[in-house]
Amino acid sequence: MNRSALLTSLACAAFAATADAKPTLKLGKAKIVRGEKYITDDALLDTVAPQPADTGRGGITDANGLRVAGCQDTPGGPEKGWAGKKLDAGAGLSLEVTTVETDQTSKRGWPGGHCGFKIVDTADATKYAVLPLAGVPPFTSPTAIVRDGDRIYLNLNFNGYAKEIPQGGNFVVAFDMVSHDEVWRTGKSTSNAALMLYGDALITGYGFTREKAALHVIDTATGKIVQKVALPKSPTEIRRKDDKLFVRIYDGYAVLPITGAK
């Protein structure tokens, strides 16, 4: 084998090894601490994980200002004058509503909208991602965007039961902002909690009242769930401090040890 062929062979082997690699991050067994009240307040984690090293973004209980009210279903219908740009200053992106169908009624009988979206780099308009109507279920909108260079991850959330949105909702989508391609998307009912990027893993979670709740560790290369940790109640806020993950749940919080290199 000549030198050129050898180098090509080694490069292909390295690419294959990288593609097959899985995140080394592992979450240990969750320790559950119940709050004093049935529904815990927003400041609960401030008492156990103040000044965290990292805090997750978004989720149905904390939309970072990204939730588009007119694209959700509500008893009174879409708000007037809601369409427009929303900025995610932390990621340097703007969220735009590109297409709207407002003559929609969800399975729970509430009027709402079906929206398409575009996410644009505020410093470089050549970098963007498009979510057409065909790629977005009705009554859902992004509530979190996490950026890693030119790759972005966002969740599309519906604040309700999975059966009320048969087209599927509450999932994560990855985009390449340069090629404008969708890289992958997870299955439905994967994420309605915050999103946190940790090395080559994306941490999020799902749960809604009587539906099963869990944390999910997602491989950022493939979009596959590589670990699932059951929780007694729906996860919402996520914080990392030292080598522990703190997760606020409906009636308390969970603490999980983190192992594996970042």
Protein backbone atom coordinates (compact mmCIF):
# COMPACT_ATOMS: atom_id res chain seq x y z
CA MET A 1 0.00 0.00 0.00
CA ASN A 2 1.47 3.38 -0.98
CA ARG A 3 1.62 6.35 1.40
CA SER A 4 -1.40 8.13 -0.11
CA ALA A 5 -3.58 5.04 0.13
CA LEU A 6 -2.42 4.46 3.70
CA LEU A 7 -3.30 7.99 4.76
CA THR A 8 -6.73 7.68 3.13
CA SER A 9 -7.31 4.39 4.90
CA LEU A 10 -6.31 5.85 8.26
CA ALA A 11 -8.54 8.90 7.73
CA CYS A 12 -11.52 6.69 6.89
CA ALA A 13 -10.86 4.55 9.95
CA ALA A 14 -10.64 7.65 12.16
CA PHE A 15 -13.93 9.00 10.73
CA ALA A 16 -15.67 5.67 11.31
CA ALA A 17 -14.37 5.51 14.87
CA THR A 18 -15.61 9.04 15.55
CA ALA A 19 -19.03 8.29 14.05
CA ASP A 20 -19.36 5.12 16.14
CA ALA A 21 -18.18 6.78 19.36
CA LYS A 22 -20.73 7.44 22.06
CA PRO A 23 -20.69 10.15 24.73
CA THR A 24 -18.70 9.15 27.78
CA LEU A 25 -21.01 11.10 30.10
CA LYS A 26 -23.03 8.90 32.45
CA LEU A 27 -25.66 9.90 34.99
CA GLY A 28 -25.82 7.94 38.22
CA LYS A 29 -28.87 6.98 40.26
CA ALA A 30 -31.18 9.88 41.04
CA LYS A 31 -31.62 10.90 44.68
CA ILE A 32 -35.05 12.49 45.09
CA VAL A 33 -35.67 15.27 47.61
CA ARG A 34 -39.29 16.28 48.08
CA GLY A 35 -40.20 19.92 48.53
CA GLU A 36 -42.25 21.34 51.36
CA LYS A 37 -45.06 22.13 48.93
CA TYR A 38 -46.69 19.95 46.30
CA ILE A 39 -45.69 22.39 43.57
CA THR A 40 -42.22 23.74 44.25
CA ASP A 41 -41.29 27.34 43.50
CA ASP A 42 -38.88 28.56 40.82
CA ALA A 43 -36.14 29.39 43.34
CA LEU A 44 -35.89 25.89 44.80
CA LEU A 45 -32.53 25.05 43.21
CA ASP A 46 -31.03 28.31 44.43
CA THR A 47 -30.81 26.77 47.88
CA VAL A 48 -28.94 23.61 46.81
CA ALA A 49 -27.07 24.62 43.63
CA PRO A 50 -26.32 28.36 43.81
CA GLN A 51 -23.91 29.76 41.22
CA PRO A 52 -23.94 26.63 39.06
CA ALA A 53 -21.24 25.91 36.47
CA ASP A 54 -23.95 25.53 33.84
CA THR A 55 -27.70 26.03 33.61
CA GLY A 56 -30.00 24.44 31.06
CA ARG A 57 -32.00 26.57 28.68
CA GLY A 58 -35.73 26.70 28.04
CA GLY A 59 -38.49 24.15 28.56
CA ILE A 60 -42.23 24.61 28.88
CA THR A 61 -41.87 26.24 32.30
CA ASP A 62 -39.05 28.60 31.27
CA ALA A 63 -39.16 29.56 27.63
CA ASN A 64 -36.32 32.15 27.72
CA GLY A 65 -38.73 34.45 25.91
CA LEU A 66 -38.74 32.22 22.82
CA ARG A 67 -42.17 30.63 23.10
CA VAL A 68 -44.46 31.95 20.37
CA ALA A 69 -47.89 32.31 21.95
CA GLY A 70 -49.77 32.43 18.65
CA CYS A 71 -48.36 29.07 17.62
CA GLN A 72 -49.77 27.36 20.71
CA ASP A 73 -53.35 26.36 21.44
CA THR A 74 -55.08 28.42 24.12
CA PRO A 75 -58.68 28.68 25.35
CA GLY A 76 -58.96 32.22 23.98
CA GLY A 77 -57.12 31.59 20.71
CA PRO A 78 -53.95 33.22 19.37
CA GLU A 79 -52.97 36.62 20.68
CA LYS A 80 -53.17 39.60 18.34
CA GLY A 81 -49.92 41.08 17.12
CA TRP A 82 -47.79 38.20 18.37
CA ALA A 83 -45.85 37.45 15.18
CA GLY A 84 -42.36 38.85 14.80
CA LYS A 85 -38.74 38.21 15.70
CA LYS A 86 -37.64 36.92 19.06
CA LEU A 87 -34.01 37.17 20.10
CA ASP A 88 -31.99 34.55 21.90
CA ALA A 89 -29.17 36.81 23.00
CA GLY A 90 -27.26 34.00 24.67
CA ALA A 91 -26.95 32.09 21.40
CA GLY A 92 -26.68 35.10 19.09
CA LEU A 93 -29.74 34.02 17.11
CA SER A 94 -33.13 35.37 16.13
CA LEU A 95 -36.26 33.26 15.83
CA GLU A 96 -38.67 34.29 13.08
CA VAL A 97 -42.17 33.04 12.27
CA THR A 98 -42.20 32.47 8.50
CA THR A 99 -45.57 30.81 7.90
CA VAL A 100 -48.77 30.80 9.92
CA GLU A 101 -51.99 28.81 9.74
CA THR A 102 -54.32 30.07 12.43
CA ASP A 103 -57.47 28.11 11.61
CA GLN A 104 -56.42 25.19 13.80
CA THR A 105 -58.16 23.52 16.72
CA SER A 106 -56.35 21.05 18.96
CA LYS A 107 -57.81 17.79 20.22
CA ARG A 108 -58.70 19.49 23.50
CA GLY A 109 -60.89 21.92 21.55
CA TRP A 110 -58.70 25.01 21.86
CA PRO A 111 -57.93 27.26 18.86
CA GLY A 112 -54.31 27.85 17.98
CA GLY A 113 -51.77 28.05 15.23
CA HIS A 114 -49.49 25.99 13.04
CA CYS A 115 -46.24 27.84 12.38
CA GLY A 116 -43.06 27.52 10.38
CA PHE A 117 -39.86 29.04 11.70
CA LYS A 118 -36.45 30.34 10.67
CA ILE A 119 -33.47 30.70 13.01
CA VAL A 120 -30.86 33.22 11.84
CA ASP A 121 -27.40 34.14 13.13
CA THR A 122 -27.69 37.79 14.20
CA ALA A 123 -24.08 38.46 13.15
CA ASP A 124 -24.07 36.54 9.86
CA ALA A 125 -27.33 36.19 7.93
CA THR A 126 -25.82 33.50 5.67
CA LYS A 127 -26.04 31.15 8.63
CA TYR A 128 -29.58 29.98 9.27
CA ALA A 129 -31.93 27.01 9.71
CA VAL A 130 -35.46 26.66 8.37
CA LEU A 131 -38.32 24.69 9.92
CA PRO A 132 -41.15 24.55 7.35
CA LEU A 133 -44.73 23.70 8.27
CA ALA A 134 -44.18 20.13 7.16
CA GLY A 135 -41.47 19.73 9.79
CA VAL A 136 -43.37 21.26 12.70
CA PRO A 137 -46.48 19.79 14.36
CA PRO A 138 -49.37 22.20 15.00
CA PHE A 139 -49.50 24.03 18.34
CA THR A 140 -45.76 23.74 18.97
CA SER A 141 -42.94 26.27 19.06
CA PRO A 142 -39.28 26.32 20.09
CA THR A 143 -38.69 27.03 23.77
CA ALA A 144 -34.95 26.44 23.87
CA ILE A 145 -32.01 26.83 21.51
CA VAL A 146 -28.53 25.63 22.41
CA ARG A 147 -25.66 26.54 20.14
CA ASP A 148 -22.31 24.83 19.60
CA GLY A 149 -20.45 26.77 16.91
CA ASP A 150 -22.42 26.39 13.68
CA ARG A 151 -24.53 23.54 15.07
CA ILE A 152 -27.75 24.36 16.92
CA TYR A 153 -30.12 22.19 18.92
CA LEU A 154 -33.68 23.24 19.63
CA ASN A 155 -36.72 21.64 21.15
CA LEU A 156 -40.24 22.00 19.80
CA ASN A 157 -42.67 21.99 22.68
CA PHE A 158 -46.38 21.43 23.14
CA ASN A 159 -47.74 22.10 26.61
CA GLY A 160 -50.15 19.17 26.91
CA TYR A 161 -50.61 15.43 26.76
CA ALA A 162 -48.96 13.47 23.95
CA LYS A 163 -52.37 12.08 22.88
CA GLU A 164 -53.57 15.65 22.25
CA ILE A 165 -51.04 16.12 19.46
CA PRO A 166 -51.03 12.89 17.41
CA GLN A 167 -48.59 14.38 14.87
CA GLY A 168 -45.94 14.19 17.58
CA GLY A 169 -44.40 16.92 19.69
CA ASN A 170 -41.82 17.67 22.38
CA PHE A 171 -38.71 16.59 20.50
CA VAL A 172 -35.21 17.91 19.72
CA VAL A 173 -33.93 18.91 16.27
CA ALA A 174 -30.30 19.53 15.27
CA PHE A 175 -29.30 21.83 12.40
CA ASP A 176 -26.12 22.80 10.59
CA MET A 177 -26.33 26.59 10.21
CA VAL A 178 -23.85 26.69 7.31
CA SER A 179 -25.33 23.96 5.10
CA HIS A 180 -28.86 24.75 6.40
CA ASP A 181 -29.46 21.00 6.71
CA GLU A 182 -31.42 19.24 9.42
CA VAL A 183 -28.89 16.81 10.90
CA TRP A 184 -31.26 14.72 13.00
CA ARG A 185 -34.37 14.82 15.14
CA THR A 186 -35.35 12.69 18.10
CA GLY A 187 -38.62 10.85 18.52
CA LYS A 188 -41.64 12.53 20.08
CA SER A 189 -42.06 12.95 23.84
CA THR A 190 -38.32 13.36 24.35
CA SER A 191 -37.93 16.94 25.56
CA ASN A 192 -40.16 19.46 27.27
CA ALA A 193 -37.59 20.35 29.93
CA ALA A 194 -34.50 22.51 29.67
CA LEU A 195 -31.66 21.65 27.27
CA MET A 196 -28.06 21.43 28.48
CA LEU A 197 -25.02 20.72 26.34
CA TYR A 198 -22.24 18.87 28.14
CA GLY A 199 -19.35 17.82 25.93
CA ASP A 200 -20.68 15.51 23.23
CA ALA A 201 -23.98 14.94 25.03
CA LEU A 202 -27.22 16.87 25.26
CA ILE A 203 -29.15 16.50 28.51
CA THR A 204 -32.89 17.08 28.60
CA GLY A 205 -36.02 15.38 29.87
CA TYR A 206 -39.71 14.78 29.42
CA GLY A 207 -42.80 14.29 31.53
CA PHE A 208 -46.34 15.62 31.80
CA THR A 209 -48.60 14.95 34.80
CA ARG A 210 -49.60 11.27 34.48
CA GLU A 211 -47.19 10.50 31.63
CA LYS A 212 -43.89 8.80 32.48
CA ALA A 213 -41.09 11.20 33.35
CA ALA A 214 -37.39 10.75 32.64
CA LEU A 215 -34.10 12.46 31.92
CA HIS A 216 -32.56 11.74 28.52
CA VAL A 217 -28.90 11.86 27.49
CA ILE A 218 -28.72 12.38 23.72
CA ASP A 219 -25.69 11.74 21.51
CA THR A 220 -25.08 15.04 19.69
CA ALA A 221 -23.58 13.19 16.70
CA THR A 222 -26.57 10.95 16.01
CA GLY A 223 -29.55 12.20 18.01
CA LYS A 224 -29.91 8.82 19.68
CA ILE A 225 -30.88 8.55 23.34
CA VAL A 226 -27.93 6.80 24.98
CA GLN A 227 -29.22 6.93 28.55
CA LYS A 228 -32.62 7.27 30.17
CA VAL A 229 -33.08 7.89 33.89
CA ALA A 230 -36.61 7.53 35.26
CA LEU A 231 -37.95 10.29 37.50
CA PRO A 232 -41.07 10.33 39.70
CA LYS A 233 -42.30 13.67 38.32
CA SER A 234 -41.75 15.88 35.28
CA PRO A 235 -38.30 17.52 35.06
CA THR A 236 -38.10 21.23 34.33
CA GLU A 237 -34.99 23.21 35.27
CA ILE A 238 -31.53 21.60 34.98
CA ARG A 239 -28.32 22.80 36.62
CA ARG A 240 -24.80 21.38 36.83
CA LYS A 241 -22.55 22.13 39.78
CA ASP A 242 -19.22 20.37 40.20
CA ASP A 243 -19.83 16.70 39.37
CA LYS A 244 -23.56 16.68 40.11
CA LEU A 245 -26.69 17.39 38.09
CA PHE A 246 -29.58 19.11 39.87
CA VAL A 247 -33.01 18.76 38.29
CA ARG A 248 -36.13 20.51 39.53
CA ILE A 249 -39.19 18.31 39.37
CA TYR A 250 -42.83 19.07 40.00
CA ASP A 251 -42.66 18.51 43.76
CA GLY A 252 -38.98 18.75 44.63
CA TYR A 253 -35.66 18.07 42.96
CA ALA A 254 -33.37 15.25 41.92
CA VAL A 255 -29.59 15.03 42.33
CA LEU A 256 -27.60 12.78 40.00
CA PRO A 257 -23.84 12.18 40.02
CA ILE A 258 -22.06 12.79 36.70
CA THR A 259 -19.27 10.49 35.59
CA GLY A 260 -17.20 10.38 32.41
CA ALA A 261 -14.97 12.97 30.81
CA LYS A 262 -16.46 16.09 29.25
